[in-house]
Amino acid sequence: HVDVVEPIAKFTDALRGKKGVRRVLNMGLEDWRGGSGDGDDDGTTRYDLVWTQWCLGHLTDEQLRRHLQRCRDALVPETGVIVVKENLSTSGVDVFDPVDSCVTRHEETWKSIFQQAGLRIVKEEPQRGLPESGKARLLPVMMYALQP
């Protein structure tokens, strides 16, 4: 079963009642408490997999660290995995986009935050098959599999 965390209800309305969807939580990741009790959860939920993609740039570094710690604490012991799939900055530094109010982090920033959150990288792999789009170059996308 899947729990979905998304702050904007119109993006999740179609998921409610779908087979395999256990809960839809319309809240920001900074408010999600993982296995600590959200909505109708009694606080005992443990996850085999926590998957996030293209949303963590909206969190500050501190919010991200705390979010990853909550994800870590909500994993099934020994076997649970967190996957982070995000764009990488190619500028050598983190880049803030004021239009989208998000940050594109440099690879070293990601790794530092993972370590601060008590996580280790068990696998990392770049997204393959992204189109080359002429003048508008796409940022590289990296996938990290993490465990405590």
N, C-alpha and C. Protein backbone atom coordinates (compact mmCIF):
# COMPACT_ATOMS: atom_id res chain seq x y z
N HIS A 1 0.83 -1.19 0.00
CA HIS A 1 0.00 0.00 0.00
C HIS A 1 0.87 1.24 0.00
N VAL A 2 0.30 2.33 -0.47
CA VAL A 2 1.04 3.57 -0.65
C VAL A 2 0.39 4.68 0.17
N ASP A 3 1.23 5.47 0.83
CA ASP A 3 0.81 6.72 1.43
C ASP A 3 1.38 7.82 0.54
N VAL A 4 0.56 8.81 0.21
CA VAL A 4 0.98 9.92 -0.65
C VAL A 4 0.96 11.19 0.18
N VAL A 5 2.06 11.94 0.15
CA VAL A 5 2.15 13.23 0.83
C VAL A 5 2.30 14.29 -0.25
N GLU A 6 1.34 15.20 -0.32
CA GLU A 6 1.33 16.27 -1.34
C GLU A 6 0.50 17.42 -0.79
N PRO A 7 1.06 18.63 -0.74
CA PRO A 7 0.32 19.73 -0.13
C PRO A 7 -0.88 20.22 -0.93
N ILE A 8 -0.90 20.01 -2.24
CA ILE A 8 -1.95 20.57 -3.08
C ILE A 8 -2.98 19.50 -3.41
N ALA A 9 -4.19 19.66 -2.86
CA ALA A 9 -5.23 18.64 -2.96
C ALA A 9 -5.61 18.32 -4.40
N LYS A 10 -5.61 19.31 -5.28
CA LYS A 10 -6.04 19.03 -6.66
C LYS A 10 -5.10 18.04 -7.36
N PHE A 11 -3.87 17.91 -6.86
CA PHE A 11 -2.94 16.94 -7.44
C PHE A 11 -3.19 15.52 -6.92
N THR A 12 -3.93 15.40 -5.83
CA THR A 12 -4.15 14.08 -5.24
C THR A 12 -5.60 13.63 -5.26
N ASP A 13 -6.51 14.50 -5.64
CA ASP A 13 -7.93 14.15 -5.60
C ASP A 13 -8.24 12.85 -6.33
N ALA A 14 -7.62 12.63 -7.47
CA ALA A 14 -7.90 11.43 -8.27
C ALA A 14 -7.36 10.16 -7.62
N LEU A 15 -6.47 10.30 -6.64
CA LEU A 15 -5.88 9.12 -5.99
C LEU A 15 -6.76 8.53 -4.90
N ARG A 16 -7.59 9.36 -4.31
CA ARG A 16 -8.41 8.90 -3.18
C ARG A 16 -9.30 7.74 -3.61
N GLY A 17 -9.25 6.67 -2.83
CA GLY A 17 -10.07 5.50 -3.11
C GLY A 17 -9.50 4.55 -4.15
N LYS A 18 -8.36 4.89 -4.73
CA LYS A 18 -7.75 4.01 -5.72
C LYS A 18 -7.15 2.79 -5.03
N LYS A 19 -7.20 1.68 -5.72
CA LYS A 19 -6.61 0.45 -5.20
C LYS A 19 -5.12 0.67 -4.94
N GLY A 20 -4.68 0.24 -3.78
CA GLY A 20 -3.27 0.35 -3.42
C GLY A 20 -2.91 1.62 -2.68
N VAL A 21 -3.76 2.64 -2.72
CA VAL A 21 -3.50 3.89 -2.01
C VAL A 21 -4.14 3.79 -0.63
N ARG A 22 -3.29 3.77 0.40
CA ARG A 22 -3.79 3.65 1.76
C ARG A 22 -4.24 4.99 2.31
N ARG A 23 -3.39 6.00 2.15
CA ARG A 23 -3.71 7.33 2.68
C ARG A 23 -3.20 8.40 1.74
N VAL A 24 -3.94 9.49 1.66
CA VAL A 24 -3.49 10.70 0.98
C VAL A 24 -3.42 11.79 2.04
N LEU A 25 -2.24 12.33 2.22
CA LEU A 25 -2.01 13.36 3.23
C LEU A 25 -1.71 14.67 2.53
N ASN A 26 -2.63 15.62 2.60
CA ASN A 26 -2.41 16.92 1.98
C ASN A 26 -1.72 17.83 2.98
N MET A 27 -0.40 17.74 2.95
CA MET A 27 0.45 18.54 3.83
C MET A 27 1.82 18.63 3.20
N GLY A 28 2.60 19.58 3.66
CA GLY A 28 3.97 19.70 3.18
C GLY A 28 4.87 18.66 3.84
N LEU A 29 5.96 18.35 3.18
CA LEU A 29 6.90 17.37 3.74
C LEU A 29 7.47 17.83 5.08
N GLU A 30 7.55 19.14 5.27
CA GLU A 30 8.08 19.64 6.55
C GLU A 30 7.13 19.34 7.70
N ASP A 31 5.86 19.03 7.39
CA ASP A 31 4.88 18.71 8.43
C ASP A 31 4.62 17.22 8.58
N TRP A 32 5.06 16.43 7.62
CA TRP A 32 4.84 14.97 7.67
C TRP A 32 5.66 14.37 8.80
N ARG A 33 5.05 13.51 9.57
CA ARG A 33 5.73 12.93 10.73
C ARG A 33 6.09 11.46 10.55
N GLY A 34 5.91 10.93 9.38
CA GLY A 34 6.32 9.55 9.13
C GLY A 34 5.57 8.58 10.03
N GLY A 35 6.30 7.72 10.68
CA GLY A 35 5.69 6.74 11.57
C GLY A 35 5.32 7.30 12.92
N SER A 36 5.35 8.63 13.07
CA SER A 36 5.05 9.24 14.37
C SER A 36 3.61 9.68 14.51
N GLY A 37 2.78 9.30 13.55
CA GLY A 37 1.36 9.61 13.66
C GLY A 37 0.94 10.80 12.82
N ASP A 38 0.32 10.54 11.69
CA ASP A 38 -0.26 11.57 10.82
C ASP A 38 -1.69 11.15 10.55
N GLY A 39 -2.58 12.09 10.58
CA GLY A 39 -3.96 11.78 10.20
C GLY A 39 -4.50 10.60 10.98
N ASP A 40 -4.86 9.53 10.27
CA ASP A 40 -5.45 8.36 10.92
C ASP A 40 -4.40 7.32 11.32
N ASP A 41 -3.13 7.66 11.22
CA ASP A 41 -2.06 6.73 11.57
C ASP A 41 -1.85 6.76 13.09
N ASP A 42 -1.71 5.60 13.69
CA ASP A 42 -1.53 5.54 15.14
C ASP A 42 -0.07 5.67 15.56
N GLY A 43 0.81 5.92 14.60
CA GLY A 43 2.22 6.11 14.93
C GLY A 43 3.06 4.86 14.81
N THR A 44 2.48 3.76 14.38
CA THR A 44 3.23 2.51 14.28
C THR A 44 3.60 2.14 12.85
N THR A 45 3.20 2.95 11.88
CA THR A 45 3.48 2.64 10.48
C THR A 45 4.98 2.61 10.23
N ARG A 46 5.43 1.59 9.53
CA ARG A 46 6.82 1.49 9.08
C ARG A 46 6.80 1.26 7.59
N TYR A 47 7.75 1.84 6.90
CA TYR A 47 7.78 1.79 5.44
C TYR A 47 8.94 0.95 4.94
N ASP A 48 8.66 0.13 3.93
CA ASP A 48 9.72 -0.58 3.22
C ASP A 48 10.48 0.40 2.33
N LEU A 49 9.75 1.37 1.78
CA LEU A 49 10.32 2.33 0.84
C LEU A 49 9.68 3.69 1.05
N VAL A 50 10.52 4.71 1.14
CA VAL A 50 10.06 6.10 1.11
C VAL A 50 10.70 6.71 -0.13
N TRP A 51 9.88 7.13 -1.08
CA TRP A 51 10.36 7.65 -2.36
C TRP A 51 9.99 9.12 -2.47
N THR A 52 10.98 9.97 -2.73
CA THR A 52 10.71 11.38 -2.99
C THR A 52 11.41 11.76 -4.28
N GLN A 53 10.71 12.54 -5.09
CA GLN A 53 11.35 13.03 -6.31
C GLN A 53 10.84 14.41 -6.65
N TRP A 54 11.77 15.26 -7.01
CA TRP A 54 11.52 16.62 -7.48
C TRP A 54 10.61 17.41 -6.55
N CYS A 55 10.85 17.27 -5.25
CA CYS A 55 10.08 18.08 -4.29
C CYS A 55 10.95 18.59 -3.14
N LEU A 56 12.11 17.99 -2.93
CA LEU A 56 12.92 18.34 -1.77
C LEU A 56 13.61 19.70 -1.91
N GLY A 57 13.64 20.24 -3.10
CA GLY A 57 14.21 21.57 -3.32
C GLY A 57 13.38 22.67 -2.69
N HIS A 58 12.16 22.36 -2.29
CA HIS A 58 11.30 23.36 -1.65
C HIS A 58 11.54 23.42 -0.14
N LEU A 59 12.39 22.54 0.38
CA LEU A 59 12.74 22.55 1.80
C LEU A 59 14.08 23.23 2.00
N THR A 60 14.22 23.93 3.12
CA THR A 60 15.54 24.44 3.48
C THR A 60 16.44 23.26 3.84
N ASP A 61 17.73 23.49 3.94
CA ASP A 61 18.63 22.40 4.32
C ASP A 61 18.24 21.80 5.66
N GLU A 62 17.88 22.65 6.62
CA GLU A 62 17.49 22.16 7.94
C GLU A 62 16.18 21.38 7.89
N GLN A 63 15.20 21.88 7.15
CA GLN A 63 13.95 21.13 6.98
C GLN A 63 14.21 19.79 6.31
N LEU A 64 15.09 19.78 5.32
CA LEU A 64 15.43 18.55 4.61
C LEU A 64 16.09 17.55 5.55
N ARG A 65 17.04 18.01 6.35
CA ARG A 65 17.71 17.11 7.30
C ARG A 65 16.69 16.48 8.24
N ARG A 66 15.80 17.31 8.80
CA ARG A 66 14.79 16.79 9.73
C ARG A 66 13.82 15.84 9.02
N HIS A 67 13.43 16.18 7.80
CA HIS A 67 12.54 15.30 7.03
C HIS A 67 13.20 13.95 6.80
N LEU A 68 14.45 13.95 6.40
CA LEU A 68 15.15 12.68 6.16
C LEU A 68 15.31 11.87 7.46
N GLN A 69 15.49 12.54 8.58
CA GLN A 69 15.56 11.83 9.86
C GLN A 69 14.21 11.18 10.18
N ARG A 70 13.11 11.88 9.90
CA ARG A 70 11.79 11.28 10.13
C ARG A 70 11.58 10.09 9.19
N CYS A 71 12.02 10.23 7.94
CA CYS A 71 11.93 9.10 7.00
C CYS A 71 12.74 7.93 7.52
N ARG A 72 13.95 8.19 7.96
CA ARG A 72 14.82 7.15 8.52
C ARG A 72 14.14 6.43 9.67
N ASP A 73 13.55 7.20 10.57
CA ASP A 73 12.92 6.61 11.75
C ASP A 73 11.65 5.84 11.42
N ALA A 74 11.06 6.10 10.24
CA ALA A 74 9.83 5.42 9.84
C ALA A 74 10.09 4.17 8.99
N LEU A 75 11.36 3.86 8.72
CA LEU A 75 11.69 2.70 7.89
C LEU A 75 11.55 1.39 8.65
N VAL A 76 11.23 0.34 7.90
CA VAL A 76 11.31 -1.02 8.45
C VAL A 76 12.78 -1.25 8.81
N PRO A 77 13.08 -1.65 10.05
CA PRO A 77 14.47 -1.85 10.44
C PRO A 77 15.18 -2.85 9.53
N GLU A 78 16.44 -2.59 9.28
CA GLU A 78 17.34 -3.46 8.51
C GLU A 78 17.15 -3.39 7.01
N THR A 79 15.91 -3.35 6.52
CA THR A 79 15.68 -3.49 5.08
C THR A 79 15.07 -2.26 4.41
N GLY A 80 14.53 -1.33 5.18
CA GLY A 80 13.87 -0.16 4.59
C GLY A 80 14.85 0.73 3.83
N VAL A 81 14.35 1.37 2.78
CA VAL A 81 15.18 2.21 1.92
C VAL A 81 14.47 3.53 1.64
N ILE A 82 15.25 4.59 1.61
CA ILE A 82 14.77 5.90 1.17
C ILE A 82 15.39 6.16 -0.20
N VAL A 83 14.57 6.58 -1.17
CA VAL A 83 15.09 6.97 -2.48
C VAL A 83 14.84 8.46 -2.66
N VAL A 84 15.88 9.16 -3.04
CA VAL A 84 15.81 10.58 -3.36
C VAL A 84 16.17 10.72 -4.83
N LYS A 85 15.28 11.33 -5.60
CA LYS A 85 15.53 11.57 -7.03
C LYS A 85 15.36 13.07 -7.26
N GLU A 86 16.46 13.73 -7.58
CA GLU A 86 16.42 15.18 -7.71
C GLU A 86 17.41 15.66 -8.77
N ASN A 87 17.17 16.87 -9.28
CA ASN A 87 18.12 17.52 -10.16
C ASN A 87 19.37 17.89 -9.37
N LEU A 88 20.50 17.95 -10.06
CA LEU A 88 21.76 18.37 -9.45
C LEU A 88 22.21 19.69 -10.07
N SER A 89 22.73 20.56 -9.22
CA SER A 89 23.34 21.78 -9.71
C SER A 89 24.64 21.43 -10.42
N THR A 90 24.87 22.07 -11.55
CA THR A 90 26.13 21.87 -12.28
C THR A 90 27.03 23.10 -12.13
N SER A 91 26.65 24.02 -11.24
CA SER A 91 27.39 25.27 -11.06
C SER A 91 28.46 25.18 -9.99
N GLY A 92 28.60 24.03 -9.35
CA GLY A 92 29.57 23.90 -8.27
C GLY A 92 29.06 24.40 -6.93
N VAL A 93 27.87 25.00 -6.94
CA VAL A 93 27.24 25.51 -5.71
C VAL A 93 25.74 25.25 -5.82
N ASP A 94 25.04 25.39 -4.70
CA ASP A 94 23.58 25.30 -4.72
C ASP A 94 23.04 26.55 -5.41
N VAL A 95 21.95 26.39 -6.15
CA VAL A 95 21.37 27.50 -6.91
C VAL A 95 19.91 27.67 -6.50
N PHE A 96 19.58 28.88 -6.01
CA PHE A 96 18.20 29.18 -5.62
C PHE A 96 17.46 29.80 -6.79
N ASP A 97 16.25 29.33 -7.05
CA ASP A 97 15.39 29.86 -8.10
C ASP A 97 14.26 30.64 -7.43
N PRO A 98 14.31 31.98 -7.49
CA PRO A 98 13.28 32.77 -6.81
C PRO A 98 11.90 32.63 -7.44
N VAL A 99 11.82 32.26 -8.71
CA VAL A 99 10.52 32.09 -9.37
C VAL A 99 9.80 30.87 -8.80
N ASP A 100 10.51 29.75 -8.68
CA ASP A 100 9.92 28.51 -8.15
C ASP A 100 10.08 28.38 -6.64
N SER A 101 10.81 29.29 -6.02
CA SER A 101 11.11 29.22 -4.58
C SER A 101 11.70 27.87 -4.20
N CYS A 102 12.70 27.46 -4.96
CA CYS A 102 13.33 26.18 -4.64
C CYS A 102 14.83 26.27 -4.90
N VAL A 103 15.54 25.34 -4.31
CA VAL A 103 16.99 25.28 -4.47
C VAL A 103 17.35 24.00 -5.22
N THR A 104 18.29 24.14 -6.15
CA THR A 104 18.88 22.97 -6.81
C THR A 104 20.24 22.77 -6.15
N ARG A 105 20.36 21.66 -5.45
CA ARG A 105 21.55 21.43 -4.64
C ARG A 105 22.67 20.77 -5.45
N HIS A 106 23.89 21.11 -5.05
CA HIS A 106 25.08 20.49 -5.60
C HIS A 106 25.24 19.11 -4.96
N GLU A 107 25.88 18.21 -5.66
CA GLU A 107 26.04 16.83 -5.18
C GLU A 107 26.63 16.76 -3.77
N GLU A 108 27.62 17.58 -3.49
CA GLU A 108 28.25 17.54 -2.17
C GLU A 108 27.29 18.00 -1.07
N THR A 109 26.41 18.92 -1.38
CA THR A 109 25.40 19.35 -0.40
C THR A 109 24.48 18.19 -0.06
N TRP A 110 24.00 17.48 -1.10
CA TRP A 110 23.15 16.31 -0.85
C TRP A 110 23.85 15.32 0.07
N LYS A 111 25.08 15.00 -0.25
CA LYS A 111 25.81 13.98 0.52
C LYS A 111 26.03 14.43 1.96
N SER A 112 26.30 15.70 2.15
CA SER A 112 26.48 16.22 3.51
C SER A 112 25.18 16.12 4.31
N ILE A 113 24.07 16.49 3.70
CA ILE A 113 22.78 16.42 4.40
C ILE A 113 22.40 14.98 4.70
N PHE A 114 22.65 14.06 3.76
CA PHE A 114 22.38 12.64 4.03
C PHE A 114 23.15 12.19 5.27
N GLN A 115 24.43 12.56 5.32
CA GLN A 115 25.26 12.16 6.46
C GLN A 115 24.74 12.78 7.76
N GLN A 116 24.39 14.06 7.72
CA GLN A 116 23.85 14.73 8.91
C GLN A 116 22.56 14.07 9.39
N ALA A 117 21.79 13.50 8.47
CA ALA A 117 20.52 12.85 8.81
C ALA A 117 20.73 11.41 9.27
N GLY A 118 21.98 10.96 9.33
CA GLY A 118 22.25 9.60 9.79
C GLY A 118 21.99 8.55 8.73
N LEU A 119 22.18 8.93 7.47
CA LEU A 119 21.94 8.02 6.36
C LEU A 119 23.22 7.79 5.57
N ARG A 120 23.29 6.61 4.97
CA ARG A 120 24.42 6.30 4.09
C ARG A 120 23.87 5.97 2.71
N ILE A 121 24.65 6.28 1.71
CA ILE A 121 24.26 5.98 0.33
C ILE A 121 24.61 4.53 0.05
N VAL A 122 23.61 3.73 -0.30
CA VAL A 122 23.86 2.33 -0.66
C VAL A 122 23.92 2.15 -2.17
N LYS A 123 23.37 3.11 -2.90
CA LYS A 123 23.44 3.07 -4.37
C LYS A 123 23.14 4.47 -4.87
N GLU A 124 23.87 4.89 -5.88
CA GLU A 124 23.56 6.16 -6.55
C GLU A 124 23.69 5.95 -8.05
N GLU A 125 22.77 6.55 -8.77
CA GLU A 125 22.76 6.34 -10.21
C GLU A 125 22.14 7.54 -10.90
N PRO A 126 22.78 8.02 -11.97
CA PRO A 126 22.18 9.12 -12.72
C PRO A 126 21.01 8.62 -13.56
N GLN A 127 20.04 9.50 -13.76
CA GLN A 127 18.92 9.19 -14.65
C GLN A 127 19.47 9.14 -16.07
N ARG A 128 19.16 8.10 -16.77
CA ARG A 128 19.61 7.96 -18.16
C ARG A 128 18.44 8.20 -19.11
N GLY A 129 18.77 8.52 -20.35
CA GLY A 129 17.76 8.66 -21.38
C GLY A 129 17.04 9.99 -21.41
N LEU A 130 17.56 10.99 -20.69
CA LEU A 130 16.93 12.30 -20.75
C LEU A 130 17.25 12.94 -22.10
N PRO A 131 16.29 13.63 -22.68
CA PRO A 131 16.52 14.21 -24.01
C PRO A 131 17.50 15.37 -23.96
N GLU A 132 18.28 15.49 -25.00
CA GLU A 132 19.09 16.69 -25.19
C GLU A 132 18.18 17.69 -25.86
N SER A 133 18.03 18.85 -25.27
CA SER A 133 17.03 19.78 -25.80
C SER A 133 17.65 21.06 -26.35
N GLY A 134 18.69 20.92 -27.14
CA GLY A 134 19.28 22.07 -27.81
C GLY A 134 19.82 23.09 -26.84
N LYS A 135 19.36 24.34 -26.97
CA LYS A 135 19.87 25.44 -26.15
C LYS A 135 19.51 25.27 -24.67
N ALA A 136 18.31 24.82 -24.41
CA ALA A 136 17.85 24.65 -23.02
C ALA A 136 18.33 23.30 -22.50
N ARG A 137 19.48 23.30 -21.86
CA ARG A 137 20.05 22.06 -21.35
C ARG A 137 19.35 21.65 -20.07
N LEU A 138 19.02 20.39 -19.98
CA LEU A 138 18.40 19.86 -18.77
C LEU A 138 19.47 19.61 -17.72
N LEU A 139 19.10 19.82 -16.48
CA LEU A 139 20.02 19.50 -15.39
C LEU A 139 20.11 17.99 -15.23
N PRO A 140 21.27 17.51 -14.80
CA PRO A 140 21.36 16.07 -14.54
C PRO A 140 20.46 15.69 -13.36
N VAL A 141 19.94 14.48 -13.41
CA VAL A 141 19.08 13.95 -12.35
C VAL A 141 19.81 12.78 -11.71
N MET A 142 19.91 12.80 -10.39
CA MET A 142 20.57 11.73 -9.65
C MET A 142 19.56 11.04 -8.75
N MET A 143 19.70 9.73 -8.66
CA MET A 143 18.88 8.93 -7.74
C MET A 143 19.81 8.35 -6.68
N TYR A 144 19.44 8.55 -5.43
CA TYR A 144 20.20 8.02 -4.30
C TYR A 144 19.31 7.05 -3.53
N ALA A 145 19.83 5.87 -3.25
CA ALA A 145 19.17 4.93 -2.34
C ALA A 145 19.91 5.03 -1.01
N LEU A 146 19.16 5.25 0.06
CA LEU A 146 19.74 5.54 1.38
C LEU A 146 19.21 4.58 2.44
N GLN A 147 20.08 4.26 3.38
CA GLN A 147 19.69 3.49 4.56
C GLN A 147 20.41 4.05 5.78
N PRO A 148 19.84 3.78 6.96
CA PRO A 148 20.52 4.22 8.19
C PRO A 148 21.88 3.55 8.35
